[in-house]
């Protein structure tokens, strides 16, 4: 199983980023996928998840209305579109499978 996140970077407050998590080694469409994040000095926290067929999504209150999770089952990829970014969104963002495999993370920094 491999999960590789990409798309992080430095963005100004109010800006947008699109994170991708490319996966391999398992039946992607059969599994709920999640995004988590970990800010410096804080515990890792759940951000959003999406069901295997993409019909159901859930969001943490802190990101609801600003972030959108989606998936492309043909490409075995899960996406996190992040809009209206705030400094408190600064963190390493990770994708995770329903059976507990994690990617290596991608850094998101929101700063002017």
N, C-alpha and C. Protein backbone atom coordinates (compact mmCIF):
# COMPACT_ATOMS: atom_id res chain seq x y z
N UNK A 1 0.85 -1.19 0.00
CA UNK A 1 0.00 0.00 0.00
C UNK A 1 0.89 1.24 0.00
N UNK A 2 0.57 2.16 -0.91
CA UNK A 2 1.29 3.44 -0.94
C UNK A 2 0.30 4.58 -1.04
N UNK A 3 0.59 5.63 -0.28
CA UNK A 3 -0.17 6.87 -0.35
C UNK A 3 0.85 8.00 -0.46
N UNK A 4 0.68 8.85 -1.46
CA UNK A 4 1.62 9.93 -1.69
C UNK A 4 0.85 11.24 -1.83
N UNK A 5 1.02 12.12 -0.85
CA UNK A 5 0.36 13.41 -0.88
C UNK A 5 1.21 14.42 -1.65
N UNK A 6 0.54 15.37 -2.27
CA UNK A 6 1.22 16.45 -2.97
C UNK A 6 0.32 17.67 -2.98
N UNK A 7 0.90 18.81 -3.37
CA UNK A 7 0.10 20.01 -3.53
C UNK A 7 0.24 21.04 -2.43
N UNK A 8 0.98 20.71 -1.38
CA UNK A 8 1.17 21.67 -0.31
C UNK A 8 2.06 22.83 -0.74
N UNK A 9 2.16 23.82 0.14
CA UNK A 9 3.00 24.96 -0.15
C UNK A 9 2.69 26.12 0.75
N UNK A 10 3.22 27.28 0.37
CA UNK A 10 2.99 28.52 1.10
C UNK A 10 1.93 29.35 0.37
N UNK A 11 0.95 29.80 1.13
CA UNK A 11 -0.14 30.58 0.54
C UNK A 11 -0.53 31.68 1.50
N UNK A 12 -0.99 32.80 0.96
CA UNK A 12 -1.43 33.91 1.80
C UNK A 12 -2.81 33.63 2.38
N UNK A 13 -3.12 34.23 3.52
CA UNK A 13 -4.48 34.09 4.06
C UNK A 13 -5.52 34.47 3.02
N UNK A 14 -6.58 33.68 2.97
CA UNK A 14 -7.62 33.88 1.97
C UNK A 14 -7.39 33.13 0.67
N UNK A 15 -6.21 32.57 0.53
CA UNK A 15 -5.88 31.85 -0.69
C UNK A 15 -6.39 30.42 -0.71
N UNK A 16 -6.02 29.69 -1.76
CA UNK A 16 -6.49 28.33 -1.97
C UNK A 16 -5.33 27.40 -2.30
N UNK A 17 -5.51 26.15 -1.94
CA UNK A 17 -4.59 25.08 -2.34
C UNK A 17 -5.41 23.83 -2.62
N UNK A 18 -4.87 23.00 -3.49
CA UNK A 18 -5.51 21.72 -3.82
C UNK A 18 -4.52 20.61 -3.52
N UNK A 19 -4.84 19.80 -2.54
CA UNK A 19 -3.99 18.67 -2.17
C UNK A 19 -4.49 17.41 -2.87
N UNK A 20 -3.54 16.58 -3.26
CA UNK A 20 -3.86 15.28 -3.86
C UNK A 20 -3.19 14.17 -3.08
N UNK A 21 -3.83 13.03 -3.07
CA UNK A 21 -3.25 11.83 -2.46
C UNK A 21 -3.39 10.70 -3.47
N UNK A 22 -2.28 10.34 -4.06
CA UNK A 22 -2.27 9.25 -5.03
C UNK A 22 -2.02 7.93 -4.30
N UNK A 23 -2.84 6.93 -4.60
CA UNK A 23 -2.74 5.68 -3.87
C UNK A 23 -2.49 4.50 -4.80
N UNK A 24 -2.01 3.42 -4.23
CA UNK A 24 -1.83 2.17 -4.96
C UNK A 24 -1.74 1.02 -3.97
N UNK A 25 -1.96 -0.18 -4.48
CA UNK A 25 -1.77 -1.37 -3.67
C UNK A 25 -2.98 -1.89 -2.94
N UNK A 26 -4.14 -1.29 -3.18
CA UNK A 26 -5.38 -1.79 -2.57
C UNK A 26 -6.55 -1.39 -3.45
N UNK A 27 -7.71 -1.94 -3.15
CA UNK A 27 -8.91 -1.65 -3.95
C UNK A 27 -9.49 -0.32 -3.47
N UNK A 28 -9.03 0.74 -4.11
CA UNK A 28 -9.30 2.10 -3.66
C UNK A 28 -10.79 2.38 -3.49
N UNK A 29 -11.58 1.98 -4.45
CA UNK A 29 -13.00 2.34 -4.44
C UNK A 29 -13.79 1.66 -3.33
N UNK A 30 -13.18 0.68 -2.68
CA UNK A 30 -13.87 -0.04 -1.61
C UNK A 30 -13.70 0.60 -0.24
N UNK A 31 -12.90 1.66 -0.18
CA UNK A 31 -12.51 2.18 1.12
C UNK A 31 -12.80 3.66 1.31
N UNK A 32 -13.33 3.96 2.49
CA UNK A 32 -13.41 5.35 2.93
C UNK A 32 -12.00 5.90 3.03
N UNK A 33 -11.85 7.15 2.61
CA UNK A 33 -10.56 7.84 2.69
C UNK A 33 -10.71 9.10 3.52
N UNK A 34 -9.66 9.43 4.24
CA UNK A 34 -9.70 10.58 5.14
C UNK A 34 -8.48 11.47 4.95
N UNK A 35 -8.68 12.74 5.31
CA UNK A 35 -7.58 13.68 5.45
C UNK A 35 -7.46 14.06 6.93
N UNK A 36 -6.24 14.13 7.39
CA UNK A 36 -5.92 14.59 8.73
C UNK A 36 -4.86 15.69 8.62
N UNK A 37 -4.66 16.41 9.70
CA UNK A 37 -3.59 17.40 9.72
C UNK A 37 -2.98 17.47 11.12
N UNK A 38 -1.73 17.90 11.15
CA UNK A 38 -1.03 18.06 12.41
C UNK A 38 -0.24 19.36 12.40
N UNK A 39 -0.65 20.26 13.26
CA UNK A 39 0.04 21.54 13.40
C UNK A 39 1.19 21.38 14.39
N UNK A 40 2.19 22.26 14.31
CA UNK A 40 3.34 22.15 15.23
C UNK A 40 2.88 22.17 16.69
N UNK A 41 3.36 21.20 17.45
CA UNK A 41 3.05 21.15 18.87
C UNK A 41 1.66 20.67 19.21
N UNK A 42 0.91 20.24 18.20
CA UNK A 42 -0.46 19.78 18.44
C UNK A 42 -0.64 18.34 18.00
N UNK A 43 -1.71 17.73 18.47
CA UNK A 43 -2.03 16.37 18.07
C UNK A 43 -2.60 16.37 16.64
N UNK A 44 -2.42 15.24 15.99
CA UNK A 44 -3.01 15.08 14.67
C UNK A 44 -4.53 15.10 14.80
N UNK A 45 -5.21 15.81 13.89
CA UNK A 45 -6.65 15.90 13.95
C UNK A 45 -7.28 15.55 12.61
N UNK A 46 -8.45 14.99 12.71
CA UNK A 46 -9.23 14.63 11.53
C UNK A 46 -9.77 15.88 10.86
N UNK A 47 -9.73 15.91 9.52
CA UNK A 47 -10.22 17.04 8.75
C UNK A 47 -11.49 16.71 7.98
N UNK A 48 -11.44 15.60 7.24
CA UNK A 48 -12.58 15.25 6.38
C UNK A 48 -12.46 13.80 5.96
N UNK A 49 -13.60 13.22 5.57
CA UNK A 49 -13.55 11.89 4.97
C UNK A 49 -14.60 11.76 3.89
N UNK A 50 -14.43 10.73 3.07
CA UNK A 50 -15.32 10.50 1.93
C UNK A 50 -15.52 9.00 1.77
N UNK A 51 -16.74 8.60 1.50
CA UNK A 51 -17.06 7.19 1.34
C UNK A 51 -16.44 6.64 0.05
N UNK A 52 -16.46 5.33 -0.06
CA UNK A 52 -15.82 4.67 -1.19
C UNK A 52 -16.34 5.10 -2.55
N UNK A 53 -17.65 5.31 -2.63
CA UNK A 53 -18.21 5.72 -3.92
C UNK A 53 -18.36 7.23 -4.04
N UNK A 54 -17.92 7.94 -3.03
CA UNK A 54 -17.94 9.40 -3.05
C UNK A 54 -19.27 10.04 -2.72
N UNK A 55 -20.24 9.26 -2.34
CA UNK A 55 -21.58 9.81 -2.13
C UNK A 55 -21.75 10.48 -0.78
N UNK A 56 -20.86 10.20 0.14
CA UNK A 56 -20.98 10.74 1.48
C UNK A 56 -19.68 11.38 1.92
N UNK A 57 -19.78 12.60 2.43
CA UNK A 57 -18.60 13.31 2.93
C UNK A 57 -18.90 13.87 4.32
N UNK A 58 -17.83 14.04 5.09
CA UNK A 58 -17.96 14.62 6.42
C UNK A 58 -16.77 15.55 6.65
N UNK A 59 -17.01 16.60 7.44
CA UNK A 59 -15.99 17.61 7.66
C UNK A 59 -15.91 18.00 9.12
N UNK A 60 -14.71 18.33 9.56
CA UNK A 60 -14.55 18.95 10.86
C UNK A 60 -15.19 20.34 10.82
N UNK A 61 -15.72 20.75 11.95
CA UNK A 61 -16.39 22.05 12.02
C UNK A 61 -15.45 23.18 11.59
N UNK A 62 -14.18 23.05 11.91
CA UNK A 62 -13.22 24.11 11.63
C UNK A 62 -12.99 24.34 10.14
N UNK A 63 -13.33 23.37 9.30
CA UNK A 63 -13.07 23.52 7.86
C UNK A 63 -14.34 23.47 7.03
N UNK A 64 -15.46 23.18 7.64
CA UNK A 64 -16.70 23.01 6.89
C UNK A 64 -17.06 24.32 6.19
N UNK A 65 -17.41 24.21 4.92
CA UNK A 65 -17.74 25.39 4.13
C UNK A 65 -16.55 26.00 3.42
N UNK A 66 -15.34 25.58 3.81
CA UNK A 66 -14.12 26.10 3.16
C UNK A 66 -13.36 25.00 2.41
N UNK A 67 -13.41 23.79 2.91
CA UNK A 67 -12.69 22.67 2.30
C UNK A 67 -13.69 21.72 1.64
N UNK A 68 -13.24 21.10 0.55
CA UNK A 68 -14.06 20.10 -0.13
C UNK A 68 -13.22 18.87 -0.42
N UNK A 69 -13.70 17.72 0.03
CA UNK A 69 -13.02 16.46 -0.26
C UNK A 69 -13.73 15.79 -1.42
N UNK A 70 -12.95 15.19 -2.30
CA UNK A 70 -13.51 14.46 -3.44
C UNK A 70 -12.55 13.32 -3.78
N UNK A 71 -13.00 12.47 -4.68
CA UNK A 71 -12.15 11.35 -5.08
C UNK A 71 -12.38 11.01 -6.53
N UNK A 72 -11.36 10.44 -7.14
CA UNK A 72 -11.43 9.94 -8.51
C UNK A 72 -11.07 8.46 -8.45
N UNK A 73 -12.08 7.62 -8.48
CA UNK A 73 -11.83 6.18 -8.33
C UNK A 73 -11.16 5.57 -9.56
N UNK A 74 -11.23 6.24 -10.68
CA UNK A 74 -10.52 5.76 -11.87
C UNK A 74 -9.02 6.01 -11.74
N UNK A 75 -8.67 7.06 -11.00
CA UNK A 75 -7.26 7.43 -10.83
C UNK A 75 -6.73 7.07 -9.44
N UNK A 76 -7.58 6.45 -8.61
CA UNK A 76 -7.17 6.07 -7.25
C UNK A 76 -6.59 7.25 -6.47
N UNK A 77 -7.28 8.37 -6.56
CA UNK A 77 -6.79 9.61 -5.97
C UNK A 77 -7.88 10.27 -5.14
N UNK A 78 -7.48 10.82 -4.01
CA UNK A 78 -8.40 11.61 -3.20
C UNK A 78 -7.85 13.04 -3.14
N UNK A 79 -8.76 13.99 -3.22
CA UNK A 79 -8.42 15.41 -3.34
C UNK A 79 -8.97 16.17 -2.13
N UNK A 80 -8.23 17.18 -1.71
CA UNK A 80 -8.75 18.11 -0.71
C UNK A 80 -8.56 19.52 -1.27
N UNK A 81 -9.68 20.13 -1.68
CA UNK A 81 -9.66 21.51 -2.15
C UNK A 81 -9.86 22.42 -0.95
N UNK A 82 -8.89 23.30 -0.73
CA UNK A 82 -8.92 24.17 0.45
C UNK A 82 -9.01 25.62 0.00
N UNK A 83 -10.09 26.27 0.38
CA UNK A 83 -10.33 27.67 0.03
C UNK A 83 -10.39 28.51 1.31
N UNK A 84 -10.29 29.81 1.13
CA UNK A 84 -10.37 30.76 2.25
C UNK A 84 -9.45 30.33 3.39
N UNK A 85 -8.22 30.03 3.04
CA UNK A 85 -7.29 29.51 4.03
C UNK A 85 -6.94 30.54 5.09
N UNK A 86 -6.75 30.04 6.31
CA UNK A 86 -6.43 30.87 7.46
C UNK A 86 -5.08 30.44 8.03
N UNK A 87 -4.42 31.31 8.76
CA UNK A 87 -3.13 30.91 9.38
C UNK A 87 -3.26 29.65 10.24
N UNK A 88 -4.40 29.48 10.88
CA UNK A 88 -4.59 28.30 11.73
C UNK A 88 -4.75 27.01 10.95
N UNK A 89 -4.82 27.10 9.63
CA UNK A 89 -4.83 25.89 8.80
C UNK A 89 -3.41 25.38 8.54
N UNK A 90 -2.40 26.11 8.97
CA UNK A 90 -1.03 25.68 8.79
C UNK A 90 -0.79 24.37 9.51
N UNK A 91 -0.31 23.38 8.77
CA UNK A 91 -0.11 22.04 9.31
C UNK A 91 0.50 21.15 8.24
N UNK A 92 0.91 19.97 8.66
CA UNK A 92 1.21 18.90 7.70
C UNK A 92 -0.09 18.13 7.49
N UNK A 93 -0.45 17.96 6.24
CA UNK A 93 -1.69 17.28 5.90
C UNK A 93 -1.39 15.86 5.41
N UNK A 94 -2.16 14.92 5.94
CA UNK A 94 -1.96 13.51 5.65
C UNK A 94 -3.25 12.89 5.11
N UNK A 95 -3.13 11.96 4.19
CA UNK A 95 -4.28 11.14 3.84
C UNK A 95 -4.13 9.78 4.52
N UNK A 96 -5.28 9.15 4.70
CA UNK A 96 -5.31 7.90 5.47
C UNK A 96 -6.39 6.99 4.90
N UNK A 97 -6.07 5.70 4.84
CA UNK A 97 -7.07 4.72 4.43
C UNK A 97 -7.92 4.30 5.62
N UNK A 98 -9.01 3.63 5.33
CA UNK A 98 -9.89 3.16 6.39
C UNK A 98 -9.25 2.05 7.22
N UNK A 99 -8.20 1.43 6.69
CA UNK A 99 -7.54 0.36 7.44
C UNK A 99 -6.23 0.82 8.06
N UNK A 100 -6.02 2.14 8.09
CA UNK A 100 -4.94 2.66 8.91
C UNK A 100 -3.62 2.95 8.25
N UNK A 101 -3.55 2.92 6.93
CA UNK A 101 -2.32 3.30 6.26
C UNK A 101 -2.28 4.80 6.04
N UNK A 102 -1.09 5.39 6.23
CA UNK A 102 -0.91 6.83 6.13
C UNK A 102 0.08 7.18 5.03
N UNK A 103 -0.10 8.35 4.46
CA UNK A 103 0.91 8.90 3.59
C UNK A 103 1.99 9.60 4.41
N UNK A 104 2.95 10.20 3.71
CA UNK A 104 4.07 10.85 4.38
C UNK A 104 3.76 12.30 4.75
N UNK A 105 2.70 12.84 4.19
CA UNK A 105 2.28 14.19 4.52
C UNK A 105 2.81 15.24 3.56
N UNK A 106 2.10 16.36 3.50
CA UNK A 106 2.51 17.51 2.71
C UNK A 106 2.28 18.77 3.54
N UNK A 107 3.26 19.65 3.54
CA UNK A 107 3.22 20.84 4.39
C UNK A 107 2.38 21.93 3.75
N UNK A 108 1.47 22.49 4.53
CA UNK A 108 0.68 23.65 4.13
C UNK A 108 0.99 24.78 5.12
N UNK A 109 1.43 25.90 4.58
CA UNK A 109 1.73 27.07 5.41
C UNK A 109 0.91 28.24 4.90
N UNK A 110 0.12 28.82 5.80
CA UNK A 110 -0.71 29.97 5.45
C UNK A 110 -0.16 31.18 6.21
N UNK A 111 0.43 32.09 5.46
CA UNK A 111 1.10 33.23 6.09
C UNK A 111 1.25 34.36 5.09
N UNK A 112 1.18 35.57 5.61
CA UNK A 112 1.42 36.73 4.76
C UNK A 112 2.89 37.13 4.79
